[in-house]
Amino acid sequence: MTSTMDTQRLHFHPDYLDAVRAGSKTTTVRFRDPVETGPVEMVFELDDEVVLAGVVTQVRSLRVAELTDADALADGFRDLAELRDKLRFHYPDIAPTDDISVVHFQLTH
């Protein structure tokens, strides 16, 4: 039996809430933010905190330069250029040679 103390929390920008709920965003790219497979609470910081229950199904480690259009689409973006722009917004000091994690998740409703 898993207690809530075992459940990791993954924080998201509130702009991504609708895409996660709709299932059009099923991954998130993380930089210097270790994530493991297993139960997760996806936290969206709005006026009132919104928490969605889910599970991290896979974590892929790669470099920023190795991201693909498929990664961008799974992350809810139009293309790789848009994903890279958002990564620079969230992580201003990120470089193409930096190691990142592509975190695959699904809601558990």
Protein backbone atom coordinates (compact mmCIF):
# COMPACT_ATOMS: atom_id res chain seq x y z
CA MET A 1 0.00 0.00 0.00
CA THR A 2 1.39 3.38 -1.03
CA SER A 3 1.01 6.34 1.30
CA THR A 4 0.85 9.93 0.13
CA MET A 5 4.35 10.42 1.58
CA ASP A 6 5.60 8.12 -1.20
CA THR A 7 3.92 10.17 -3.93
CA GLN A 8 6.20 12.66 -5.64
CA ARG A 9 4.93 16.10 -6.58
CA LEU A 10 5.54 17.49 -10.04
CA HIS A 11 4.92 21.22 -10.43
CA PHE A 12 3.54 22.60 -13.69
CA HIS A 13 3.00 26.10 -15.02
CA PRO A 14 -0.77 26.75 -14.84
CA ASP A 15 -0.93 27.31 -18.62
CA TYR A 16 -0.54 23.53 -19.06
CA LEU A 17 -3.54 22.46 -16.93
CA ASP A 18 -6.07 22.22 -19.77
CA ALA A 19 -3.66 20.29 -22.02
CA VAL A 20 -2.88 17.79 -19.25
CA ARG A 21 -6.58 17.33 -18.45
CA ALA A 22 -7.41 16.88 -22.16
CA GLY A 23 -4.61 14.35 -22.66
CA SER A 24 -2.86 16.42 -25.35
CA LYS A 25 0.15 16.88 -23.03
CA THR A 26 1.50 13.51 -21.85
CA THR A 27 5.13 14.44 -21.23
CA THR A 28 7.10 17.18 -19.56
CA VAL A 29 10.75 18.10 -20.01
CA ARG A 30 12.65 18.63 -16.76
CA PHE A 31 16.04 20.23 -16.21
CA ARG A 32 17.81 19.70 -12.89
CA ASP A 33 14.55 18.31 -11.46
CA PRO A 34 14.89 14.55 -10.82
CA VAL A 35 11.73 12.50 -11.35
CA GLU A 36 11.13 8.78 -10.87
CA THR A 37 8.52 6.41 -12.28
CA GLY A 38 5.53 5.78 -10.03
CA PRO A 39 2.65 7.71 -8.48
CA VAL A 40 2.71 11.48 -8.90
CA GLU A 41 0.68 14.49 -7.86
CA MET A 42 0.71 17.02 -10.70
CA VAL A 43 0.47 20.44 -9.08
CA PHE A 44 -0.71 23.55 -10.93
CA GLU A 45 -0.23 26.83 -9.07
CA LEU A 46 -3.37 28.86 -9.70
CA ASP A 47 -5.26 31.12 -7.27
CA ASP A 48 -6.20 27.83 -5.64
CA GLU A 49 -3.73 24.98 -6.09
CA VAL A 50 -5.03 22.31 -8.48
CA VAL A 51 -3.67 18.79 -7.97
CA LEU A 52 -4.24 15.96 -10.44
CA ALA A 53 -3.41 12.36 -9.57
CA GLY A 54 -1.28 10.49 -12.06
CA VAL A 55 1.55 8.10 -12.64
CA VAL A 56 4.96 8.64 -14.21
CA THR A 57 5.30 5.75 -16.64
CA GLN A 58 8.76 6.45 -18.10
CA VAL A 59 11.69 8.85 -17.71
CA ARG A 60 14.07 9.26 -20.67
CA SER A 61 17.41 10.98 -20.19
CA LEU A 62 18.88 12.86 -23.13
CA ARG A 63 20.45 16.16 -24.15
CA VAL A 64 18.43 19.20 -25.20
CA ALA A 65 19.85 18.91 -28.73
CA GLU A 66 18.43 15.35 -29.00
CA LEU A 67 14.79 16.43 -28.57
CA THR A 68 12.58 15.70 -31.59
CA ASP A 69 9.33 16.99 -33.09
CA ALA A 70 7.67 13.87 -31.62
CA ASP A 71 8.86 14.96 -28.16
CA ALA A 72 7.38 18.42 -28.78
CA LEU A 73 4.00 17.04 -29.88
CA ALA A 74 3.75 14.71 -26.85
CA ASP A 75 4.54 17.75 -24.67
CA GLY A 76 1.59 19.65 -26.16
CA PHE A 77 3.56 21.93 -28.50
CA ARG A 78 3.20 22.54 -32.24
CA ASP A 79 6.80 21.72 -33.04
CA LEU A 80 10.34 21.47 -31.72
CA ALA A 81 10.99 25.21 -32.12
CA GLU A 82 8.07 26.04 -29.81
CA LEU A 83 9.25 23.48 -27.23
CA ARG A 84 12.78 24.93 -27.28
CA ASP A 85 11.37 28.47 -26.84
CA LYS A 86 9.38 27.32 -23.79
CA LEU A 87 12.40 25.54 -22.33
CA ARG A 88 14.38 28.79 -22.57
CA PHE A 89 11.46 30.59 -20.89
CA HIS A 90 11.32 28.14 -17.98
CA TYR A 91 15.08 27.54 -17.79
CA PRO A 92 16.90 30.67 -19.12
CA ASP A 93 20.39 29.15 -18.69
CA ILE A 94 19.65 25.86 -20.51
CA ALA A 95 22.05 24.89 -23.32
CA PRO A 96 21.81 22.34 -26.17
CA THR A 97 24.42 20.14 -24.45
CA ASP A 98 22.58 20.05 -21.09
CA ASP A 99 21.13 16.77 -19.83
CA ILE A 100 17.35 16.76 -19.42
CA SER A 101 14.63 14.26 -18.60
CA VAL A 102 11.55 13.64 -20.71
CA VAL A 103 8.93 12.52 -18.20
CA HIS A 104 6.00 10.46 -19.57
CA PHE A 105 2.87 10.52 -17.42
CA GLN A 106 -0.82 9.73 -17.45
CA LEU A 107 -3.74 10.74 -15.28
CA THR A 108 -5.18 8.09 -12.98
CA HIS A 109 -8.56 9.85 -12.53
